Amino acid sequence: MPGEGIGGGGGKHGNRLERMAKKLDLTDDQKTKLEVIFKEQHAKHKDLKEETRERMSHILTAEQMETMQEMKKRRQEKRKDKKAAKTQE
């Protein structure tokens, strides 16, 4: 499932824990504890983004919020295009 990749599943950071485990020769106990930390951080980051968006909506006009969403969508599309180009190389 997307978003679960922080500790062990797919996505940008999906293999982070496995890379750390290999490079640092982590024990299973260490991997488990780090996975918990990564999942907690992911949840906190997601909550912070939602809080920020909510607070911004009280400051920006509806038009400004819409423009900001369009900017975000374009950024995401550019990242997706870059990622696709890299995988084709």
Protein backbone atom coordinates (compact mmCIF):
# COMPACT_ATOMS: atom_id res chain seq x y z
CA MET A 1 0.00 0.00 0.00
CA PRO A 2 1.46 3.45 -0.87
CA GLY A 3 2.60 5.39 2.14
CA GLU A 4 3.47 2.24 4.03
CA GLY A 5 6.87 2.34 2.42
CA ILE A 6 8.57 4.31 5.15
CA GLY A 7 9.97 1.27 6.87
CA GLY A 8 9.76 -1.58 4.50
CA GLY A 9 7.25 -1.48 1.72
CA GLY A 10 7.64 0.51 -1.69
CA GLY A 11 7.80 4.14 -2.45
CA LYS A 12 10.59 6.66 -2.31
CA HIS A 13 11.71 5.65 1.16
CA GLY A 14 10.45 2.10 0.95
CA ASN A 15 13.82 0.45 1.05
CA ARG A 16 15.38 2.88 3.51
CA LEU A 17 15.18 0.48 6.41
CA GLU A 18 16.59 -2.38 4.35
CA ARG A 19 19.48 -0.21 3.12
CA MET A 20 20.20 0.83 6.70
CA ALA A 21 19.96 -2.77 7.87
CA LYS A 22 22.58 -3.86 5.34
CA LYS A 23 24.95 -0.93 5.78
CA LEU A 24 24.74 -0.88 9.58
CA ASP A 25 24.28 -4.60 10.12
CA LEU A 26 21.15 -4.01 12.20
CA THR A 27 19.64 -6.70 14.36
CA ASP A 28 15.98 -7.65 13.92
CA ASP A 29 15.21 -5.83 17.16
CA GLN A 30 16.89 -2.65 15.90
CA LYS A 31 15.01 -2.84 12.59
CA THR A 32 11.70 -3.25 14.41
CA LYS A 33 12.38 -0.26 16.67
CA LEU A 34 13.49 1.92 13.75
CA GLU A 35 10.42 0.96 11.75
CA VAL A 36 8.24 2.18 14.62
CA ILE A 37 10.12 5.49 14.68
CA PHE A 38 9.79 5.93 10.89
CA LYS A 39 6.06 5.23 10.99
CA GLU A 40 5.56 7.68 13.86
CA GLN A 41 7.51 10.37 12.01
CA HIS A 42 5.49 9.75 8.87
CA ALA A 43 2.24 10.19 10.81
CA LYS A 44 3.49 13.37 12.49
CA HIS A 45 4.60 14.81 9.16
CA LYS A 46 1.23 14.03 7.60
CA ASP A 47 -0.61 15.66 10.54
CA LEU A 48 1.61 18.73 10.34
CA LYS A 49 0.92 19.12 6.61
CA GLU A 50 -2.82 18.89 7.23
CA GLU A 51 -2.65 21.41 10.07
CA THR A 52 -0.62 23.80 7.93
CA ARG A 53 -3.10 23.51 5.06
CA GLU A 54 -6.00 24.17 7.44
CA ARG A 55 -4.34 27.25 8.93
CA MET A 56 -3.47 28.57 5.48
CA SER A 57 -7.09 28.22 4.39
CA HIS A 58 -8.03 30.78 7.06
CA ILE A 59 -5.52 33.26 5.66
CA LEU A 60 -5.66 32.79 1.90
CA THR A 61 -8.65 33.48 -0.29
CA ALA A 62 -10.45 30.61 -2.01
CA GLU A 63 -8.83 31.69 -5.29
CA GLN A 64 -5.36 31.69 -3.72
CA MET A 65 -5.95 28.23 -2.24
CA GLU A 66 -7.03 26.96 -5.65
CA THR A 67 -3.92 28.45 -7.27
CA MET A 68 -1.77 26.87 -4.58
CA GLN A 69 -3.37 23.47 -5.25
CA GLU A 70 -2.67 23.87 -8.97
CA MET A 71 0.96 24.72 -8.21
CA LYS A 72 1.21 21.63 -6.02
CA LYS A 73 -0.28 19.46 -8.75
CA ARG A 74 2.24 20.78 -11.32
CA ARG A 75 5.12 20.08 -8.89
CA GLN A 76 3.90 16.54 -8.39
CA GLU A 77 3.60 16.00 -12.14
CA LYS A 78 7.15 17.28 -12.69
CA ARG A 79 8.46 14.89 -10.02
CA LYS A 80 6.53 12.03 -11.59
CA ASP A 81 7.95 12.89 -15.04
CA LYS A 82 11.50 13.03 -13.65
CA LYS A 83 11.04 9.68 -11.94
CA ALA A 84 9.67 8.13 -15.13
CA ALA A 85 12.62 9.51 -17.12
CA LYS A 86 15.08 8.03 -14.63
CA THR A 87 13.50 4.58 -14.80
CA GLN A 88 13.73 4.64 -18.61
CA GLU A 89 17.48 5.28 -18.52
